[in-house]
Amino acid sequence: MDKINAHLRAAMSHLRLTVDLAWGWDDQSSPDLVLWTIARQGAELLASPDLRSVSICQADNCGWLFLDRRHLRRWCTKEGCGNRAKAARHYQRVKARRMSPSQR
């Protein structure tokens, strides 16, 4: 938590209220802008009830985390990991059907 809080302190020191009455960063060209955004949004997630809705992608070789409030998803993206997993299962079913009983 010390490291997270250190990054969060650094990020929050650059957070400003804009004329549009929205949060923004004081230096949009800073190379640290990405880190500030990750620190702020990560801390907000860790302190929110949504943390219980974070899931890990079940696809082989992925491991991405995603927010699943309805607890229905298995993959980070249906188009990417989900499609590859479904295609692999289909391939295995077709392959099993083509094998003769003695090869099974």
PDB file of N, CA and C in Angstrom:
ATOM      1  N   MET A   1       0.815  -1.192   0.000  1.00  0.00           N
ATOM      2  CA  MET A   1       0.000   0.000   0.000  1.00  0.00           C
ATOM      3  C   MET A   1       0.866   1.267   0.000  1.00  0.00           C
ATOM      4  N   ASP A   2       2.052   1.181   0.576  1.00  0.00           N
ATOM      5  CA  ASP A   2       2.928   2.362   0.585  1.00  0.00           C
ATOM      6  C   ASP A   2       3.284   2.812  -0.830  1.00  0.00           C
ATOM      7  N   LYS A   3       3.597   1.848  -1.700  1.00  0.00           N
ATOM      8  CA  LYS A   3       3.942   2.205  -3.082  1.00  0.00           C
ATOM      9  C   LYS A   3       2.742   2.796  -3.810  1.00  0.00           C
ATOM     10  N   ILE A   4       1.584   2.185  -3.623  1.00  0.00           N
ATOM     11  CA  ILE A   4       0.374   2.711  -4.268  1.00  0.00           C
ATOM     12  C   ILE A   4       0.110   4.133  -3.794  1.00  0.00           C
ATOM     13  N   ASN A   5       0.201   4.357  -2.497  1.00  0.00           N
ATOM     14  CA  ASN A   5      -0.054   5.694  -1.956  1.00  0.00           C
ATOM     15  C   ASN A   5       0.976   6.710  -2.422  1.00  0.00           C
ATOM     16  N   ALA A   6       2.218   6.293  -2.590  1.00  0.00           N
ATOM     17  CA  ALA A   6       3.241   7.212  -3.094  1.00  0.00           C
ATOM     18  C   ALA A   6       2.921   7.639  -4.525  1.00  0.00           C
ATOM     19  N   HIS A   7       2.542   6.685  -5.358  1.00  0.00           N
ATOM     20  CA  HIS A   7       2.160   7.011  -6.736  1.00  0.00           C
ATOM     21  C   HIS A   7       0.897   7.866  -6.760  1.00  0.00           C
ATOM     22  N   LEU A   8      -0.032   7.555  -5.879  1.00  0.00           N
ATOM     23  CA  LEU A   8      -1.277   8.322  -5.821  1.00  0.00           C
ATOM     24  C   LEU A   8      -1.019   9.766  -5.395  1.00  0.00           C
ATOM     25  N   ARG A   9      -0.159   9.962  -4.400  1.00  0.00           N
ATOM     26  CA  ARG A   9       0.189  11.329  -3.974  1.00  0.00           C
ATOM     27  C   ARG A   9       0.800  12.126  -5.125  1.00  0.00           C
ATOM     28  N   ALA A  10       1.705  11.506  -5.844  1.00  0.00           N
ATOM     29  CA  ALA A  10       2.332  12.186  -6.978  1.00  0.00           C
ATOM     30  C   ALA A  10       1.291  12.545  -8.036  1.00  0.00           C
ATOM     31  N   ALA A  11       0.390  11.608  -8.309  1.00  0.00           N
ATOM     32  CA  ALA A  11      -0.638  11.861  -9.312  1.00  0.00           C
ATOM     33  C   ALA A  11      -1.589  12.961  -8.872  1.00  0.00           C
ATOM     34  N   MET A  12      -2.046  12.886  -7.662  1.00  0.00           N
ATOM     35  CA  MET A  12      -3.045  13.844  -7.179  1.00  0.00           C
ATOM     36  C   MET A  12      -2.490  15.264  -7.099  1.00  0.00           C
ATOM     37  N   SER A  13      -1.181  15.395  -6.987  1.00  0.00           N
ATOM     38  CA  SER A  13      -0.596  16.737  -6.959  1.00  0.00           C
ATOM     39  C   SER A  13      -0.715  17.438  -8.319  1.00  0.00           C
ATOM     40  N   HIS A  14      -1.053  16.678  -9.353  1.00  0.00           N
ATOM     41  CA  HIS A  14      -1.192  17.237 -10.700  1.00  0.00           C
ATOM     42  C   HIS A  14      -2.658  17.328 -11.149  1.00  0.00           C
ATOM     43  N   LEU A  15      -3.562  16.895 -10.303  1.00  0.00           N
ATOM     44  CA  LEU A  15      -4.985  16.910 -10.644  1.00  0.00           C
ATOM     45  C   LEU A  15      -5.563  18.297 -10.415  1.00  0.00           C
ATOM     46  N   ARG A  16      -6.328  18.776 -11.360  1.00  0.00           N
ATOM     47  CA  ARG A  16      -6.918  20.118 -11.281  1.00  0.00           C
ATOM     48  C   ARG A  16      -8.373  20.066 -11.705  1.00  0.00           C
ATOM     49  N   LEU A  17      -9.165  20.999 -11.201  1.00  0.00           N
ATOM     50  CA  LEU A  17     -10.537  21.190 -11.652  1.00  0.00           C
ATOM     51  C   LEU A  17     -10.491  22.126 -12.853  1.00  0.00           C
ATOM     52  N   THR A  18     -11.073  21.705 -13.964  1.00  0.00           N
ATOM     53  CA  THR A  18     -11.013  22.493 -15.194  1.00  0.00           C
ATOM     54  C   THR A  18     -12.180  23.492 -15.250  1.00  0.00           C
ATOM     55  N   VAL A  19     -12.143  24.374 -16.244  1.00  0.00           N
ATOM     56  CA  VAL A  19     -13.215  25.360 -16.413  1.00  0.00           C
ATOM     57  C   VAL A  19     -14.540  24.669 -16.762  1.00  0.00           C
ATOM     58  N   ASP A  20     -14.468  23.433 -17.258  1.00  0.00           N
ATOM     59  CA  ASP A  20     -15.673  22.657 -17.565  1.00  0.00           C
ATOM     60  C   ASP A  20     -16.237  21.970 -16.320  1.00  0.00           C
ATOM     61  N   LEU A  21     -15.637  22.255 -15.172  1.00  0.00           N
ATOM     62  CA  LEU A  21     -16.011  21.636 -13.897  1.00  0.00           C
ATOM     63  C   LEU A  21     -15.848  20.113 -13.944  1.00  0.00           C
ATOM     64  N   ALA A  22     -14.740  19.709 -14.522  1.00  0.00           N
ATOM     65  CA  ALA A  22     -14.370  18.298 -14.585  1.00  0.00           C
ATOM     66  C   ALA A  22     -12.922  18.172 -14.124  1.00  0.00           C
ATOM     67  N   TRP A  23     -12.536  16.979 -13.738  1.00  0.00           N
ATOM     68  CA  TRP A  23     -11.156  16.753 -13.329  1.00  0.00           C
ATOM     69  C   TRP A  23     -10.262  16.640 -14.554  1.00  0.00           C
ATOM     70  N   GLY A  24      -9.067  17.214 -14.454  1.00  0.00           N
ATOM     71  CA  GLY A  24      -8.076  17.140 -15.521  1.00  0.00           C
ATOM     72  C   GLY A  24      -6.686  17.241 -14.933  1.00  0.00           C
ATOM     73  N   TRP A  25      -5.707  17.013 -15.756  1.00  0.00           N
ATOM     74  CA  TRP A  25      -4.309  17.050 -15.326  1.00  0.00           C
ATOM     75  C   TRP A  25      -3.689  18.378 -15.720  1.00  0.00           C
ATOM     76  N   ASP A  26      -2.816  18.893 -14.853  1.00  0.00           N
ATOM     77  CA  ASP A  26      -2.217  20.212 -15.107  1.00  0.00           C
ATOM     78  C   ASP A  26      -1.227  20.210 -16.266  1.00  0.00           C
ATOM     79  N   ASP A  27      -0.610  19.074 -16.562  1.00  0.00           N
ATOM     80  CA  ASP A  27       0.374  19.001 -17.644  1.00  0.00           C
ATOM     81  C   ASP A  27       0.016  17.845 -18.568  1.00  0.00           C
ATOM     82  N   GLN A  28      -0.768  18.131 -19.590  1.00  0.00           N
ATOM     83  CA  GLN A  28      -1.231  17.100 -20.523  1.00  0.00           C
ATOM     84  C   GLN A  28      -0.111  16.509 -21.368  1.00  0.00           C
ATOM     85  N   SER A  29       1.034  17.146 -21.416  1.00  0.00           N
ATOM     86  CA  SER A  29       2.138  16.643 -22.236  1.00  0.00           C
ATOM     87  C   SER A  29       3.170  15.871 -21.417  1.00  0.00           C
ATOM     88  N   SER A  30       2.928  15.708 -20.134  1.00  0.00           N
ATOM     89  CA  SER A  30       3.895  15.007 -19.285  1.00  0.00           C
ATOM     90  C   SER A  30       3.975  13.527 -19.644  1.00  0.00           C
ATOM     91  N   PRO A  31       5.185  12.973 -19.667  1.00  0.00           N
ATOM     92  CA  PRO A  31       5.316  11.538 -19.907  1.00  0.00           C
ATOM     93  C   PRO A  31       4.721  10.709 -18.753  1.00  0.00           C
ATOM     94  N   ASP A  32       4.495  11.347 -17.607  1.00  0.00           N
ATOM     95  CA  ASP A  32       3.925  10.651 -16.447  1.00  0.00           C
ATOM     96  C   ASP A  32       2.399  10.640 -16.449  1.00  0.00           C
ATOM     97  N   LEU A  33       1.789  11.250 -17.440  1.00  0.00           N
ATOM     98  CA  LEU A  33       0.332  11.337 -17.500  1.00  0.00           C
ATOM     99  C   LEU A  33      -0.329   9.958 -17.414  1.00  0.00           C
ATOM    100  N   VAL A  34       0.229   8.986 -18.089  1.00  0.00           N
ATOM    101  CA  VAL A  34      -0.328   7.636 -18.052  1.00  0.00           C
ATOM    102  C   VAL A  34      -0.243   7.071 -16.638  1.00  0.00           C
ATOM    103  N   LEU A  35       0.895   7.262 -15.976  1.00  0.00           N
ATOM    104  CA  LEU A  35       1.056   6.761 -14.610  1.00  0.00           C
ATOM    105  C   LEU A  35       0.092   7.438 -13.641  1.00  0.00           C
ATOM    106  N   TRP A  36      -0.108   8.759 -13.805  1.00  0.00           N
ATOM    107  CA  TRP A  36      -1.051   9.470 -12.942  1.00  0.00           C
ATOM    108  C   TRP A  36      -2.457   8.904 -13.107  1.00  0.00           C
ATOM    109  N   THR A  37      -2.830   8.671 -14.350  1.00  0.00           N
ATOM    110  CA  THR A  37      -4.169   8.148 -14.630  1.00  0.00           C
ATOM    111  C   THR A  37      -4.340   6.756 -14.040  1.00  0.00           C
ATOM    112  N   ILE A  38      -3.349   5.898 -14.213  1.00  0.00           N
ATOM    113  CA  ILE A  38      -3.416   4.544 -13.658  1.00  0.00           C
ATOM    114  C   ILE A  38      -3.485   4.593 -12.140  1.00  0.00           C
ATOM    115  N   ALA A  39      -2.678   5.432 -11.518  1.00  0.00           N
ATOM    116  CA  ALA A  39      -2.675   5.536 -10.056  1.00  0.00           C
ATOM    117  C   ALA A  39      -4.031   5.995  -9.541  1.00  0.00           C
ATOM    118  N   ARG A  40      -4.580   7.023 -10.160  1.00  0.00           N
ATOM    119  CA  ARG A  40      -5.872   7.549  -9.707  1.00  0.00           C
ATOM    120  C   ARG A  40      -6.999   6.536  -9.916  1.00  0.00           C
ATOM    121  N   GLN A  41      -7.107   5.992 -11.120  1.00  0.00           N
ATOM    122  CA  GLN A  41      -8.191   5.055 -11.398  1.00  0.00           C
ATOM    123  C   GLN A  41      -8.017   3.740 -10.648  1.00  0.00           C
ATOM    124  N   GLY A  42      -6.772   3.298 -10.485  1.00  0.00           N
ATOM    125  CA  GLY A  42      -6.518   2.081  -9.717  1.00  0.00           C
ATOM    126  C   GLY A  42      -6.915   2.240  -8.263  1.00  0.00           C
ATOM    127  N   ALA A  43      -6.572   3.370  -7.666  1.00  0.00           N
ATOM    128  CA  ALA A  43      -6.936   3.625  -6.270  1.00  0.00           C
ATOM    129  C   ALA A  43      -8.453   3.731  -6.119  1.00  0.00           C
ATOM    130  N   GLU A  44      -9.109   4.379  -7.080  1.00  0.00           N
ATOM    131  CA  GLU A  44     -10.567   4.477  -7.026  1.00  0.00           C
ATOM    132  C   GLU A  44     -11.208   3.097  -7.086  1.00  0.00           C
ATOM    133  N   LEU A  45     -10.672   2.210  -7.928  1.00  0.00           N
ATOM    134  CA  LEU A  45     -11.207   0.850  -8.017  1.00  0.00           C
ATOM    135  C   LEU A  45     -10.966   0.075  -6.729  1.00  0.00           C
ATOM    136  N   LEU A  46      -9.765   0.182  -6.177  1.00  0.00           N
ATOM    137  CA  LEU A  46      -9.446  -0.541  -4.948  1.00  0.00           C
ATOM    138  C   LEU A  46     -10.335  -0.126  -3.778  1.00  0.00           C
ATOM    139  N   ALA A  47     -10.793   1.119  -3.781  1.00  0.00           N
ATOM    140  CA  ALA A  47     -11.617   1.635  -2.681  1.00  0.00           C
ATOM    141  C   ALA A  47     -13.113   1.537  -2.982  1.00  0.00           C
ATOM    142  N   SER A  48     -13.477   0.915  -4.082  1.00  0.00           N
ATOM    143  CA  SER A  48     -14.889   0.871  -4.465  1.00  0.00           C
ATOM    144  C   SER A  48     -15.474  -0.534  -4.316  1.00  0.00           C
ATOM    145  N   PRO A  49     -16.796  -0.634  -4.234  1.00  0.00           N
ATOM    146  CA  PRO A  49     -17.442  -1.951  -4.215  1.00  0.00           C
ATOM    147  C   PRO A  49     -17.221  -2.728  -5.511  1.00  0.00           C
ATOM    148  N   ASP A  50     -16.851  -2.036  -6.597  1.00  0.00           N
ATOM    149  CA  ASP A  50     -16.599  -2.710  -7.875  1.00  0.00           C
ATOM    150  C   ASP A  50     -15.417  -3.665  -7.812  1.00  0.00           C
ATOM    151  N   LEU A  51     -14.583  -3.554  -6.807  1.00  0.00           N
ATOM    152  CA  LEU A  51     -13.423  -4.449  -6.699  1.00  0.00           C
ATOM    153  C   LEU A  51     -13.866  -5.911  -6.691  1.00  0.00           C
ATOM    154  N   ARG A  52     -15.039  -6.187  -6.116  1.00  0.00           N
ATOM    155  CA  ARG A  52     -15.562  -7.568  -6.092  1.00  0.00           C
ATOM    156  C   ARG A  52     -15.943  -8.059  -7.491  1.00  0.00           C
ATOM    157  N   SER A  53     -16.069  -7.134  -8.435  1.00  0.00           N
ATOM    158  CA  SER A  53     -16.468  -7.495  -9.795  1.00  0.00           C
ATOM    159  C   SER A  53     -15.291  -7.642 -10.750  1.00  0.00           C
ATOM    160  N   VAL A  54     -14.077  -7.565 -10.241  1.00  0.00           N
ATOM    161  CA  VAL A  54     -12.894  -7.744 -11.088  1.00  0.00           C
ATOM    162  C   VAL A  54     -12.680  -9.243 -11.290  1.00  0.00           C
ATOM    163  N   SER A  55     -12.537  -9.648 -12.549  1.00  0.00           N
ATOM    164  CA  SER A  55     -12.311 -11.050 -12.897  1.00  0.00           C
ATOM    165  C   SER A  55     -11.035 -11.156 -13.723  1.00  0.00           C
ATOM    166  N   ILE A  56     -10.510 -12.366 -13.787  1.00  0.00           N
ATOM    167  CA  ILE A  56      -9.332 -12.622 -14.601  1.00  0.00           C
ATOM    168  C   ILE A  56      -9.752 -13.449 -15.817  1.00  0.00           C
ATOM    169  N   CYS A  57      -9.221 -13.107 -16.964  1.00  0.00           N
ATOM    170  CA  CYS A  57      -9.564 -13.793 -18.213  1.00  0.00           C
ATOM    171  C   CYS A  57      -9.180 -15.268 -18.100  1.00  0.00           C
ATOM    172  N   GLN A  58     -10.087 -16.140 -18.512  1.00  0.00           N
ATOM    173  CA  GLN A  58      -9.863 -17.582 -18.411  1.00  0.00           C
ATOM    174  C   GLN A  58      -9.153 -18.169 -19.625  1.00  0.00           C
ATOM    175  N   ALA A  59      -8.833 -17.331 -20.599  1.00  0.00           N
ATOM    176  CA  ALA A  59      -8.134 -17.830 -21.784  1.00  0.00           C
ATOM    177  C   ALA A  59      -6.695 -18.186 -21.440  1.00  0.00           C
ATOM    178  N   ASP A  60      -6.195 -19.214 -22.103  1.00  0.00           N
ATOM    179  CA  ASP A  60      -4.787 -19.585 -21.926  1.00  0.00           C
ATOM    180  C   ASP A  60      -3.909 -18.430 -22.387  1.00  0.00           C
ATOM    181  N   ASN A  61      -2.836 -18.165 -21.680  1.00  0.00           N
ATOM    182  CA  ASN A  61      -1.847 -17.157 -22.053  1.00  0.00           C
ATOM    183  C   ASN A  61      -2.388 -15.726 -22.074  1.00  0.00           C
ATOM    184  N   CYS A  62      -3.410 -15.416 -21.290  1.00  0.00           N
ATOM    185  CA  CYS A  62      -3.905 -14.037 -21.267  1.00  0.00           C
ATOM    186  C   CYS A  62      -3.637 -13.429 -19.892  1.00  0.00           C
ATOM    187  N   GLY A  63      -4.516 -13.646 -18.955  1.00  0.00           N
ATOM    188  CA  GLY A  63      -4.331 -13.128 -17.607  1.00  0.00           C
ATOM    189  C   GLY A  63      -4.776 -11.691 -17.397  1.00  0.00           C
ATOM    190  N   TRP A  64      -5.408 -11.071 -18.405  1.00  0.00           N
ATOM    191  CA  TRP A  64      -5.900  -9.699 -18.223  1.00  0.00           C
ATOM    192  C   TRP A  64      -7.004  -9.681 -17.189  1.00  0.00           C
ATOM    193  N   LEU A  65      -7.114  -8.557 -16.497  1.00  0.00           N
ATOM    194  CA  LEU A  65      -8.208  -8.336 -15.556  1.00  0.00           C
ATOM    195  C   LEU A  65      -9.274  -7.492 -16.243  1.00  0.00           C
ATOM    196  N   PHE A  66     -10.532  -7.727 -15.875  1.00  0.00           N
ATOM    197  CA  PHE A  66     -11.618  -6.934 -16.440  1.00  0.00           C
ATOM    198  C   PHE A  66     -12.735  -6.803 -15.415  1.00  0.00           C
ATOM    199  N   LEU A  67     -13.569  -5.811 -15.596  1.00  0.00           N
ATOM    200  CA  LEU A  67     -14.680  -5.538 -14.700  1.00  0.00           C
ATOM    201  C   LEU A  67     -15.916  -6.244 -15.219  1.00  0.00           C
ATOM    202  N   ASP A  68     -16.494  -7.113 -14.413  1.00  0.00           N
ATOM    203  CA  ASP A  68     -17.666  -7.900 -14.805  1.00  0.00           C
ATOM    204  C   ASP A  68     -18.727  -7.774 -13.715  1.00  0.00           C
ATOM    205  N   ARG A  69     -19.490  -6.706 -13.754  1.00  0.00           N
ATOM    206  CA  ARG A  69     -20.484  -6.432 -12.710  1.00  0.00           C
ATOM    207  C   ARG A  69     -21.602  -7.476 -12.662  1.00  0.00           C
ATOM    208  N   ARG A  70     -21.879  -8.128 -13.791  1.00  0.00           N
ATOM    209  CA  ARG A  70     -22.952  -9.124 -13.824  1.00  0.00           C
ATOM    210  C   ARG A  70     -22.435 -10.541 -13.568  1.00  0.00           C
ATOM    211  N   HIS A  71     -21.129 -10.710 -13.483  1.00  0.00           N
ATOM    212  CA  HIS A  71     -20.491 -12.007 -13.209  1.00  0.00           C
ATOM    213  C   HIS A  71     -20.908 -13.076 -14.222  1.00  0.00           C
ATOM    214  N   LEU A  72     -20.914 -12.683 -15.498  1.00  0.00           N
ATOM    215  CA  LEU A  72     -21.306 -13.604 -16.565  1.00  0.00           C
ATOM    216  C   LEU A  72     -20.186 -13.891 -17.552  1.00  0.00           C
ATOM    217  N   ARG A  73     -19.153 -13.061 -17.574  1.00  0.00           N
ATOM    218  CA  ARG A  73     -18.103 -13.191 -18.585  1.00  0.00           C
ATOM    219  C   ARG A  73     -17.013 -14.150 -18.154  1.00  0.00           C
ATOM    220  N   ARG A  74     -16.376 -14.775 -19.149  1.00  0.00           N
ATOM    221  CA  ARG A  74     -15.241 -15.652 -18.902  1.00  0.00           C
ATOM    222  C   ARG A  74     -13.948 -15.080 -19.455  1.00  0.00           C
ATOM    223  N   TRP A  75     -14.071 -14.191 -20.451  1.00  0.00           N
ATOM    224  CA  TRP A  75     -12.895 -13.675 -21.150  1.00  0.00           C
ATOM    225  C   TRP A  75     -12.865 -12.162 -21.099  1.00  0.00           C
ATOM    226  N   CYS A  76     -11.657 -11.601 -21.278  1.00  0.00           N
ATOM    227  CA  CYS A  76     -11.519 -10.140 -21.269  1.00  0.00           C
ATOM    228  C   CYS A  76     -12.278  -9.521 -22.436  1.00  0.00           C
ATOM    229  N   THR A  77     -12.236 -10.172 -23.608  1.00  0.00           N
ATOM    230  CA  THR A  77     -13.029  -9.716 -24.757  1.00  0.00           C
ATOM    231  C   THR A  77     -13.630 -10.924 -25.455  1.00  0.00           C
ATOM    232  N   LYS A  78     -14.848 -10.774 -25.883  1.00  0.00           N
ATOM    233  CA  LYS A  78     -15.511 -11.841 -26.629  1.00  0.00           C
ATOM    234  C   LYS A  78     -14.863 -12.002 -28.005  1.00  0.00           C
ATOM    235  N   GLU A  79     -14.498 -10.876 -28.607  1.00  0.00           N
ATOM    236  CA  GLU A  79     -13.931 -10.893 -29.954  1.00  0.00           C
ATOM    237  C   GLU A  79     -12.515 -11.461 -29.991  1.00  0.00           C
ATOM    238  N   GLY A  80     -11.765 -11.300 -28.946  1.00  0.00           N
ATOM    239  CA  GLY A  80     -10.383 -11.765 -28.908  1.00  0.00           C
ATOM    240  C   GLY A  80     -10.264 -13.127 -28.243  1.00  0.00           C
ATOM    241  N   CYS A  81     -10.093 -13.106 -26.943  1.00  0.00           N
ATOM    242  CA  CYS A  81      -9.880 -14.351 -26.195  1.00  0.00           C
ATOM    243  C   CYS A  81     -11.071 -15.294 -26.284  1.00  0.00           C
ATOM    244  N   GLY A  82     -12.278 -14.765 -26.213  1.00  0.00           N
ATOM    245  CA  GLY A  82     -13.470 -15.612 -26.293  1.00  0.00           C
ATOM    246  C   GLY A  82     -13.556 -16.322 -27.629  1.00  0.00           C
ATOM    247  N   ASN A  83     -13.304 -15.613 -28.704  1.00  0.00           N
ATOM    248  CA  ASN A  83     -13.359 -16.212 -30.030  1.00  0.00           C
ATOM    249  C   ASN A  83     -12.288 -17.286 -30.194  1.00  0.00           C
ATOM    250  N   ARG A  84     -11.074 -17.024 -29.709  1.00  0.00           N
ATOM    251  CA  ARG A  84     -10.003 -18.024 -29.814  1.00  0.00           C
ATOM    252  C   ARG A  84     -10.341 -19.277 -29.007  1.00  0.00           C
ATOM    253  N   ALA A  85     -10.900 -19.105 -27.815  1.00  0.00           N
ATOM    254  CA  ALA A  85     -11.258 -20.259 -26.980  1.00  0.00           C
ATOM    255  C   ALA A  85     -12.364 -21.078 -27.639  1.00  0.00           C
ATOM    256  N   LYS A  86     -13.363 -20.411 -28.185  1.00  0.00           N
ATOM    257  CA  LYS A  86     -14.452 -21.128 -28.855  1.00  0.00           C
ATOM    258  C   LYS A  86     -13.943 -21.846 -30.096  1.00  0.00           C
ATOM    259  N   ALA A  87     -13.079 -21.209 -30.864  1.00  0.00           N
ATOM    260  CA  ALA A  87     -12.517 -21.848 -32.058  1.00  0.00           C
ATOM    261  C   ALA A  87     -11.691 -23.072 -31.670  1.00  0.00           C
ATOM    262  N   ALA A  88     -10.935 -22.993 -30.599  1.00  0.00           N
ATOM    263  CA  ALA A  88     -10.119 -24.132 -30.152  1.00  0.00           C
ATOM    264  C   ALA A  88     -11.012 -25.294 -29.719  1.00  0.00           C
ATOM    265  N   ARG A  89     -12.090 -24.990 -28.989  1.00  0.00           N
ATOM    266  CA  ARG A  89     -13.024 -26.054 -28.585  1.00  0.00           C
ATOM    267  C   ARG A  89     -13.675 -26.699 -29.805  1.00  0.00           C
ATOM    268  N   HIS A  90     -14.066 -25.893 -30.774  1.00  0.00           N
ATOM    269  CA  HIS A  90     -14.671 -26.421 -32.001  1.00  0.00           C
ATOM    270  C   HIS A  90     -13.674 -27.327 -32.726  1.00  0.00           C
ATOM    271  N   TYR A  91     -12.439 -26.883 -32.847  1.00  0.00           N
ATOM    272  CA  TYR A  91     -11.408 -27.677 -33.507  1.00  0.00           C
ATOM    273  C   TYR A  91     -11.251 -29.031 -32.813  1.00  0.00           C
ATOM    274  N   GLN A  92     -11.234 -29.028 -31.488  1.00  0.00           N
ATOM    275  CA  GLN A  92     -11.074 -30.281 -30.740  1.00  0.00           C
ATOM    276  C   GLN A  92     -12.267 -31.214 -30.943  1.00  0.00           C
ATOM    277  N   ARG A  93     -13.494 -30.660 -31.001  1.00  0.00           N
ATOM    278  CA  ARG A  93     -14.681 -31.488 -31.248  1.00  0.00           C
ATOM    279  C   ARG A  93     -14.630 -32.115 -32.635  1.00  0.00           C
ATOM    280  N   VAL A  94     -14.287 -31.323 -33.640  1.00  0.00           N
ATOM    281  CA  VAL A  94     -14.200 -31.828 -35.014  1.00  0.00           C
ATOM    282  C   VAL A  94     -13.117 -32.890 -35.104  1.00  0.00           C
ATOM    283  N   LYS A  95     -11.996 -32.638 -34.497  1.00  0.00           N
ATOM    284  CA  LYS A  95     -10.889 -33.589 -34.520  1.00  0.00           C
ATOM    285  C   LYS A  95     -11.298 -34.908 -33.844  1.00  0.00           C
ATOM    286  N   ALA A  96     -12.018 -34.821 -32.727  1.00  0.00           N
ATOM    287  CA  ALA A  96     -12.449 -36.028 -32.018  1.00  0.00           C
ATOM    288  C   ALA A  96     -13.446 -36.832 -32.855  1.00  0.00           C
ATOM    289  N   ARG A  97     -14.340 -36.151 -33.580  1.00  0.00           N
ATOM    290  CA  ARG A  97     -15.320 -36.843 -34.425  1.00  0.00           C
ATOM    291  C   ARG A  97     -14.646 -37.567 -35.593  1.00  0.00           C
ATOM    292  N   ARG A  98     -13.562 -37.006 -36.102  1.00  0.00           N
ATOM    293  CA  ARG A  98     -12.874 -37.594 -37.263  1.00  0.00           C
ATOM    294  C   ARG A  98     -12.020 -38.797 -36.887  1.00  0.00           C
ATOM    295  N   MET A  99     -11.658 -38.890 -35.629  1.00  0.00           N
ATOM    296  CA  MET A  99     -10.819 -40.006 -35.191  1.00  0.00           C
ATOM    297  C   MET A  99     -11.650 -41.274 -35.161  1.00  0.00           C
ATOM    298  N   SER A 100     -11.058 -42.373 -35.569  1.00  0.00           N
ATOM    299  CA  SER A 100     -11.768 -43.652 -35.523  1.00  0.00           C
ATOM    300  C   SER A 100     -11.848 -44.115 -34.068  1.00  0.00           C
ATOM    301  N   PRO A 101     -12.779 -44.979 -33.747  1.00  0.00           N
ATOM    302  CA  PRO A 101     -12.903 -45.479 -32.358  1.00  0.00           C
ATOM    303  C   PRO A 101     -11.620 -46.107 -31.829  1.00  0.00           C
ATOM    304  N   SER A 102     -10.827 -46.741 -32.673  1.00  0.00           N
ATOM    305  CA  SER A 102      -9.592 -47.373 -32.212  1.00  0.00           C
ATOM    306  C   SER A 102      -8.506 -46.346 -31.881  1.00  0.00           C
ATOM    307  N   GLN A 103      -8.597 -45.133 -32.441  1.00  0.00           N
ATOM    308  CA  GLN A 103      -7.604 -44.088 -32.189  1.00  0.00           C
ATOM    309  C   GLN A 103      -7.940 -43.316 -30.919  1.00  0.00           C
ATOM    310  N   ARG A 104      -9.161 -43.405 -30.469  1.00  0.00           N
ATOM    311  CA  ARG A 104      -9.577 -42.637 -29.279  1.00  0.00           C
ATOM    312  C   ARG A 104      -9.049 -43.290 -28.080  1.00  0.00           C
TER     313      ARG A 104
END
